[in-house]
Amino acid sequence: MEEEIGKTAGAIWQALSTQGELSLTQVKNQVKAKAPVFDWAIGWLAREDQIVITPTKRSFRIRLKQEHAKATGAS
């Protein structure tokens, strides 16, 4: 199970790295992972302090933390 969560977290990170900030729904659609694995993967990235989650009126927006986004652009 941990491997599946890790792969999903990697897919989320990749989607945010290439496309920038996305809504929670957009990330779910990009990654095509089902709950609860998707939720656990988001939690994993949040716990690792790799993402910023911003509430909106009806949902959330998610983006990579700046230092991570800059690091990927430099490679």
Foldseek 3Di string as FASTA:
>chain_A
DVVLLVVLLVQLQVCQLVPNKDWPVVSCVSSVDDPPSNVVSVVVCVVVVQKDWADDPPGIIIHGDVVVSVVVVVD
